[in-house]
Amino acid sequence: MKAGELKRLLSKAGARFEEAGGHTKILLAGKTSFIPRHAAKDLGSLANEIAKELGTTLADLRKKGK
């Protein structure tokens, strides 16, 4: 999954974003995580870790995005 795709899914789930240095800070349901700013870069397993830090899963984010 690319960083841009993850940001779109998180946005549809109600996440807020703040620019922080070379990364973007993600705020969702009182939890915080960071994502690299490289929208075209493939995140690999980092996407799962970010979702887990935010208290969700990629599968749940995909369901909310539909």
PDB file of N, CA and C in Angstrom:
ATOM      1  N   MET A   1       0.849  -1.170   0.000  1.00  0.00           N
ATOM      2  CA  MET A   1       0.000   0.000   0.000  1.00  0.00           C
ATOM      3  C   MET A   1       0.898   1.238   0.000  1.00  0.00           C
ATOM      4  N   LYS A   2       0.521   2.192  -0.817  1.00  0.00           N
ATOM      5  CA  LYS A   2       1.275   3.441  -0.902  1.00  0.00           C
ATOM      6  C   LYS A   2       0.797   4.421   0.166  1.00  0.00           C
ATOM      7  N   ALA A   3       1.667   5.341   0.546  1.00  0.00           N
ATOM      8  CA  ALA A   3       1.368   6.299   1.607  1.00  0.00           C
ATOM      9  C   ALA A   3       0.145   7.148   1.262  1.00  0.00           C
ATOM     10  N   GLY A   4       0.017   7.556   0.009  1.00  0.00           N
ATOM     11  CA  GLY A   4      -1.125   8.365  -0.405  1.00  0.00           C
ATOM     12  C   GLY A   4      -2.448   7.623  -0.242  1.00  0.00           C
ATOM     13  N   GLU A   5      -2.442   6.331  -0.571  1.00  0.00           N
ATOM     14  CA  GLU A   5      -3.653   5.519  -0.428  1.00  0.00           C
ATOM     15  C   GLU A   5      -4.039   5.379   1.046  1.00  0.00           C
ATOM     16  N   LEU A   6      -3.044   5.165   1.897  1.00  0.00           N
ATOM     17  CA  LEU A   6      -3.311   5.055   3.333  1.00  0.00           C
ATOM     18  C   LEU A   6      -3.882   6.359   3.873  1.00  0.00           C
ATOM     19  N   LYS A   7      -3.341   7.485   3.442  1.00  0.00           N
ATOM     20  CA  LYS A   7      -3.863   8.783   3.893  1.00  0.00           C
ATOM     21  C   LYS A   7      -5.317   8.973   3.472  1.00  0.00           C
ATOM     22  N   ARG A   8      -5.663   8.549   2.261  1.00  0.00           N
ATOM     23  CA  ARG A   8      -7.058   8.674   1.796  1.00  0.00           C
ATOM     24  C   ARG A   8      -7.992   7.821   2.654  1.00  0.00           C
ATOM     25  N   LEU A   9      -7.573   6.588   2.956  1.00  0.00           N
ATOM     26  CA  LEU A   9      -8.395   5.718   3.798  1.00  0.00           C
ATOM     27  C   LEU A   9      -8.566   6.311   5.196  1.00  0.00           C
ATOM     28  N   LEU A  10      -7.473   6.816   5.749  1.00  0.00           N
ATOM     29  CA  LEU A  10      -7.529   7.404   7.086  1.00  0.00           C
ATOM     30  C   LEU A  10      -8.395   8.661   7.099  1.00  0.00           C
ATOM     31  N   SER A  11      -8.320   9.443   6.048  1.00  0.00           N
ATOM     32  CA  SER A  11      -9.130  10.654   5.954  1.00  0.00           C
ATOM     33  C   SER A  11     -10.615  10.318   5.946  1.00  0.00           C
ATOM     34  N   LYS A  12     -10.988   9.284   5.191  1.00  0.00           N
ATOM     35  CA  LYS A  12     -12.389   8.863   5.142  1.00  0.00           C
ATOM     36  C   LYS A  12     -12.856   8.318   6.485  1.00  0.00           C
ATOM     37  N   ALA A  13     -11.912   7.826   7.301  1.00  0.00           N
ATOM     38  CA  ALA A  13     -12.249   7.302   8.629  1.00  0.00           C
ATOM     39  C   ALA A  13     -12.298   8.412   9.675  1.00  0.00           C
ATOM     40  N   GLY A  14     -12.002   9.653   9.263  1.00  0.00           N
ATOM     41  CA  GLY A  14     -12.108  10.779  10.176  1.00  0.00           C
ATOM     42  C   GLY A  14     -10.794  11.252  10.768  1.00  0.00           C
ATOM     43  N   ALA A  15      -9.675  10.803  10.230  1.00  0.00           N
ATOM     44  CA  ALA A  15      -8.375  11.213  10.756  1.00  0.00           C
ATOM     45  C   ALA A  15      -8.073  12.657  10.381  1.00  0.00           C
ATOM     46  N   ARG A  16      -7.282  13.303  11.248  1.00  0.00           N
ATOM     47  CA  ARG A  16      -6.784  14.647  10.970  1.00  0.00           C
ATOM     48  C   ARG A  16      -5.284  14.523  10.753  1.00  0.00           C
ATOM     49  N   PHE A  17      -4.717  15.442   9.968  1.00  0.00           N
ATOM     50  CA  PHE A  17      -3.304  15.391   9.634  1.00  0.00           C
ATOM     51  C   PHE A  17      -2.637  16.717   9.957  1.00  0.00           C
ATOM     52  N   GLU A  18      -1.409  16.637  10.470  1.00  0.00           N
ATOM     53  CA  GLU A  18      -0.597  17.822  10.747  1.00  0.00           C
ATOM     54  C   GLU A  18       0.803  17.551  10.220  1.00  0.00           C
ATOM     55  N   GLU A  19       1.383  18.549   9.556  1.00  0.00           N
ATOM     56  CA  GLU A  19       2.739  18.396   9.047  1.00  0.00           C
ATOM     57  C   GLU A  19       3.719  18.521  10.207  1.00  0.00           C
ATOM     58  N   ALA A  20       4.683  17.585  10.277  1.00  0.00           N
ATOM     59  CA  ALA A  20       5.653  17.569  11.381  1.00  0.00           C
ATOM     60  C   ALA A  20       7.003  17.127  10.831  1.00  0.00           C
ATOM     61  N   GLY A  21       7.859  18.085  10.514  1.00  0.00           N
ATOM     62  CA  GLY A  21       9.174  17.740   9.989  1.00  0.00           C
ATOM     63  C   GLY A  21       9.054  17.035   8.653  1.00  0.00           C
ATOM     64  N   GLY A  22       9.715  15.886   8.500  1.00  0.00           N
ATOM     65  CA  GLY A  22       9.676  15.124   7.265  1.00  0.00           C
ATOM     66  C   GLY A  22       8.555  14.115   7.230  1.00  0.00           C
ATOM     67  N   HIS A  23       7.678  14.145   8.222  1.00  0.00           N
ATOM     68  CA  HIS A  23       6.577  13.197   8.308  1.00  0.00           C
ATOM     69  C   HIS A  23       5.267  13.939   8.509  1.00  0.00           C
ATOM     70  N   THR A  24       4.184  13.222   8.370  1.00  0.00           N
ATOM     71  CA  THR A  24       2.861  13.768   8.640  1.00  0.00           C
ATOM     72  C   THR A  24       2.316  13.085   9.881  1.00  0.00           C
ATOM     73  N   LYS A  25       1.870  13.880  10.837  1.00  0.00           N
ATOM     74  CA  LYS A  25       1.287  13.359  12.078  1.00  0.00           C
ATOM     75  C   LYS A  25      -0.177  13.038  11.820  1.00  0.00           C
ATOM     76  N   ILE A  26      -0.606  11.852  12.244  1.00  0.00           N
ATOM     77  CA  ILE A  26      -1.984  11.407  12.055  1.00  0.00           C
ATOM     78  C   ILE A  26      -2.671  11.351  13.412  1.00  0.00           C
ATOM     79  N   LEU A  27      -3.841  11.944  13.512  1.00  0.00           N
ATOM     80  CA  LEU A  27      -4.631  11.936  14.746  1.00  0.00           C
ATOM     81  C   LEU A  27      -5.964  11.260  14.445  1.00  0.00           C
ATOM     82  N   LEU A  28      -6.246  10.168  15.167  1.00  0.00           N
ATOM     83  CA  LEU A  28      -7.490   9.431  14.949  1.00  0.00           C
ATOM     84  C   LEU A  28      -7.956   8.856  16.272  1.00  0.00           C
ATOM     85  N   ALA A  29      -9.147   9.232  16.683  1.00  0.00           N
ATOM     86  CA  ALA A  29      -9.776   8.698  17.903  1.00  0.00           C
ATOM     87  C   ALA A  29      -8.866   8.815  19.121  1.00  0.00           C
ATOM     88  N   GLY A  30      -8.207   9.956  19.258  1.00  0.00           N
ATOM     89  CA  GLY A  30      -7.355  10.190  20.424  1.00  0.00           C
ATOM     90  C   GLY A  30      -5.998   9.514  20.367  1.00  0.00           C
ATOM     91  N   LYS A  31      -5.665   8.871  19.257  1.00  0.00           N
ATOM     92  CA  LYS A  31      -4.381   8.197  19.101  1.00  0.00           C
ATOM     93  C   LYS A  31      -3.582   8.893  18.016  1.00  0.00           C
ATOM     94  N   THR A  32      -2.263   8.726  18.081  1.00  0.00           N
ATOM     95  CA  THR A  32      -1.367   9.422  17.171  1.00  0.00           C
ATOM     96  C   THR A  32      -0.393   8.452  16.523  1.00  0.00           C
ATOM     97  N   SER A  33      -0.072   8.721  15.256  1.00  0.00           N
ATOM     98  CA  SER A  33       0.962   7.972  14.549  1.00  0.00           C
ATOM     99  C   SER A  33       1.579   8.917  13.520  1.00  0.00           C
ATOM    100  N   PHE A  34       2.600   8.454  12.836  1.00  0.00           N
ATOM    101  CA  PHE A  34       3.273   9.259  11.821  1.00  0.00           C
ATOM    102  C   PHE A  34       3.401   8.466  10.538  1.00  0.00           C
ATOM    103  N   ILE A  35       3.356   9.179   9.396  1.00  0.00           N
ATOM    104  CA  ILE A  35       3.494   8.560   8.085  1.00  0.00           C
ATOM    105  C   ILE A  35       4.494   9.376   7.276  1.00  0.00           C
ATOM    106  N   PRO A  36       5.360   8.714   6.506  1.00  0.00           N
ATOM    107  CA  PRO A  36       6.292   9.469   5.657  1.00  0.00           C
ATOM    108  C   PRO A  36       5.530  10.300   4.628  1.00  0.00           C
ATOM    109  N   ARG A  37       6.106  11.394   4.187  1.00  0.00           N
ATOM    110  CA  ARG A  37       5.439  12.270   3.223  1.00  0.00           C
ATOM    111  C   ARG A  37       5.530  11.787   1.789  1.00  0.00           C
ATOM    112  N   HIS A  38       6.211  10.725   1.515  1.00  0.00           N
ATOM    113  CA  HIS A  38       6.401  10.231   0.156  1.00  0.00           C
ATOM    114  C   HIS A  38       5.144   9.491  -0.297  1.00  0.00           C
ATOM    115  N   ALA A  39       4.233  10.205  -0.945  1.00  0.00           N
ATOM    116  CA  ALA A  39       2.915   9.644  -1.294  1.00  0.00           C
ATOM    117  C   ALA A  39       3.011   8.440  -2.215  1.00  0.00           C
ATOM    118  N   ALA A  40       4.033   8.369  -3.059  1.00  0.00           N
ATOM    119  CA  ALA A  40       4.141   7.274  -4.013  1.00  0.00           C
ATOM    120  C   ALA A  40       4.936   6.092  -3.468  1.00  0.00           C
ATOM    121  N   LYS A  41       5.508   6.228  -2.290  1.00  0.00           N
ATOM    122  CA  LYS A  41       6.347   5.172  -1.727  1.00  0.00           C
ATOM    123  C   LYS A  41       5.488   4.043  -1.158  1.00  0.00           C
ATOM    124  N   ASP A  42       5.900   2.806  -1.435  1.00  0.00           N
ATOM    125  CA  ASP A  42       5.200   1.646  -0.899  1.00  0.00           C
ATOM    126  C   ASP A  42       5.600   1.462   0.561  1.00  0.00           C
ATOM    127  N   LEU A  43       4.624   1.395   1.446  1.00  0.00           N
ATOM    128  CA  LEU A  43       4.891   1.305   2.879  1.00  0.00           C
ATOM    129  C   LEU A  43       5.138  -0.123   3.360  1.00  0.00           C
ATOM    130  N   GLY A  44       4.660  -1.103   2.623  1.00  0.00           N
ATOM    131  CA  GLY A  44       4.822  -2.490   3.055  1.00  0.00           C
ATOM    132  C   GLY A  44       4.125  -2.722   4.389  1.00  0.00           C
ATOM    133  N   SER A  45       4.820  -3.357   5.327  1.00  0.00           N
ATOM    134  CA  SER A  45       4.211  -3.695   6.623  1.00  0.00           C
ATOM    135  C   SER A  45       4.032  -2.470   7.520  1.00  0.00           C
ATOM    136  N   LEU A  46       4.660  -1.352   7.175  1.00  0.00           N
ATOM    137  CA  LEU A  46       4.508  -0.128   7.964  1.00  0.00           C
ATOM    138  C   LEU A  46       3.045   0.330   7.985  1.00  0.00           C
ATOM    139  N   ALA A  47       2.311   0.093   6.908  1.00  0.00           N
ATOM    140  CA  ALA A  47       0.890   0.468   6.853  1.00  0.00           C
ATOM    141  C   ALA A  47       0.104  -0.256   7.942  1.00  0.00           C
ATOM    142  N   ASN A  48       0.388  -1.534   8.141  1.00  0.00           N
ATOM    143  CA  ASN A  48      -0.277  -2.297   9.206  1.00  0.00           C
ATOM    144  C   ASN A  48       0.098  -1.756  10.580  1.00  0.00           C
ATOM    145  N   GLU A  49       1.357  -1.404  10.771  1.00  0.00           N
ATOM    146  CA  GLU A  49       1.816  -0.878  12.063  1.00  0.00           C
ATOM    147  C   GLU A  49       1.159   0.463  12.374  1.00  0.00           C
ATOM    148  N   ILE A  50       1.034   1.314  11.365  1.00  0.00           N
ATOM    149  CA  ILE A  50       0.392   2.616  11.562  1.00  0.00           C
ATOM    150  C   ILE A  50      -1.074   2.424  11.950  1.00  0.00           C
ATOM    151  N   ALA A  51      -1.773   1.551  11.235  1.00  0.00           N
ATOM    152  CA  ALA A  51      -3.181   1.275  11.552  1.00  0.00           C
ATOM    153  C   ALA A  51      -3.307   0.736  12.977  1.00  0.00           C
ATOM    154  N   LYS A  52      -2.409  -0.158  13.369  1.00  0.00           N
ATOM    155  CA  LYS A  52      -2.440  -0.737  14.713  1.00  0.00           C
ATOM    156  C   LYS A  52      -2.219   0.339  15.777  1.00  0.00           C
ATOM    157  N   GLU A  53      -1.269   1.251  15.542  1.00  0.00           N
ATOM    158  CA  GLU A  53      -1.020   2.345  16.483  1.00  0.00           C
ATOM    159  C   GLU A  53      -2.256   3.222  16.655  1.00  0.00           C
ATOM    160  N   LEU A  54      -3.059   3.314  15.600  1.00  0.00           N
ATOM    161  CA  LEU A  54      -4.261   4.149  15.628  1.00  0.00           C
ATOM    162  C   LEU A  54      -5.487   3.382  16.122  1.00  0.00           C
ATOM    163  N   GLY A  55      -5.299   2.123  16.507  1.00  0.00           N
ATOM    164  CA  GLY A  55      -6.387   1.343  17.079  1.00  0.00           C
ATOM    165  C   GLY A  55      -7.353   0.779  16.052  1.00  0.00           C
ATOM    166  N   THR A  56      -6.877   0.536  14.839  1.00  0.00           N
ATOM    167  CA  THR A  56      -7.727  -0.008  13.779  1.00  0.00           C
ATOM    168  C   THR A  56      -6.919  -0.990  12.950  1.00  0.00           C
ATOM    169  N   THR A  57      -7.513  -1.507  11.893  1.00  0.00           N
ATOM    170  CA  THR A  57      -6.814  -2.381  10.957  1.00  0.00           C
ATOM    171  C   THR A  57      -7.033  -1.849   9.537  1.00  0.00           C
ATOM    172  N   LEU A  58      -6.204  -2.301   8.614  1.00  0.00           N
ATOM    173  CA  LEU A  58      -6.396  -1.888   7.227  1.00  0.00           C
ATOM    174  C   LEU A  58      -7.730  -2.380   6.677  1.00  0.00           C
ATOM    175  N   ALA A  59      -8.138  -3.568   7.093  1.00  0.00           N
ATOM    176  CA  ALA A  59      -9.427  -4.090   6.635  1.00  0.00           C
ATOM    177  C   ALA A  59     -10.572  -3.196   7.101  1.00  0.00           C
ATOM    178  N   ASP A  60     -10.526  -2.745   8.359  1.00  0.00           N
ATOM    179  CA  ASP A  60     -11.570  -1.841   8.853  1.00  0.00           C
ATOM    180  C   ASP A  60     -11.545  -0.508   8.105  1.00  0.00           C
ATOM    181  N   LEU A  61     -10.364   0.007   7.822  1.00  0.00           N
ATOM    182  CA  LEU A  61     -10.267   1.261   7.095  1.00  0.00           C
ATOM    183  C   LEU A  61     -10.837   1.134   5.685  1.00  0.00           C
ATOM    184  N   ARG A  62     -10.590  -0.008   5.049  1.00  0.00           N
ATOM    185  CA  ARG A  62     -11.127  -0.227   3.700  1.00  0.00           C
ATOM    186  C   ARG A  62     -12.642  -0.297   3.727  1.00  0.00           C
ATOM    187  N   LYS A  63     -13.220  -0.922   4.765  1.00  0.00           N
ATOM    188  CA  LYS A  63     -14.678  -0.993   4.891  1.00  0.00           C
ATOM    189  C   LYS A  63     -15.283   0.382   5.080  1.00  0.00           C
ATOM    190  N   LYS A  64     -14.641   1.214   5.912  1.00  0.00           N
ATOM    191  CA  LYS A  64     -15.147   2.562   6.160  1.00  0.00           C
ATOM    192  C   LYS A  64     -15.004   3.443   4.933  1.00  0.00           C
ATOM    193  N   GLY A  65     -14.040   3.124   4.060  1.00  0.00           N
ATOM    194  CA  GLY A  65     -13.783   3.929   2.872  1.00  0.00           C
ATOM    195  C   GLY A  65     -14.760   3.697   1.736  1.00  0.00           C
ATOM    196  N   LYS A  66     -15.584   2.674   1.847  1.00  0.00           N
ATOM    197  CA  LYS A  66     -16.525   2.372   0.757  1.00  0.00           C
ATOM    198  C   LYS A  66     -17.768   3.189   0.858  1.00  0.00           C
TER     199      LYS A  66
END
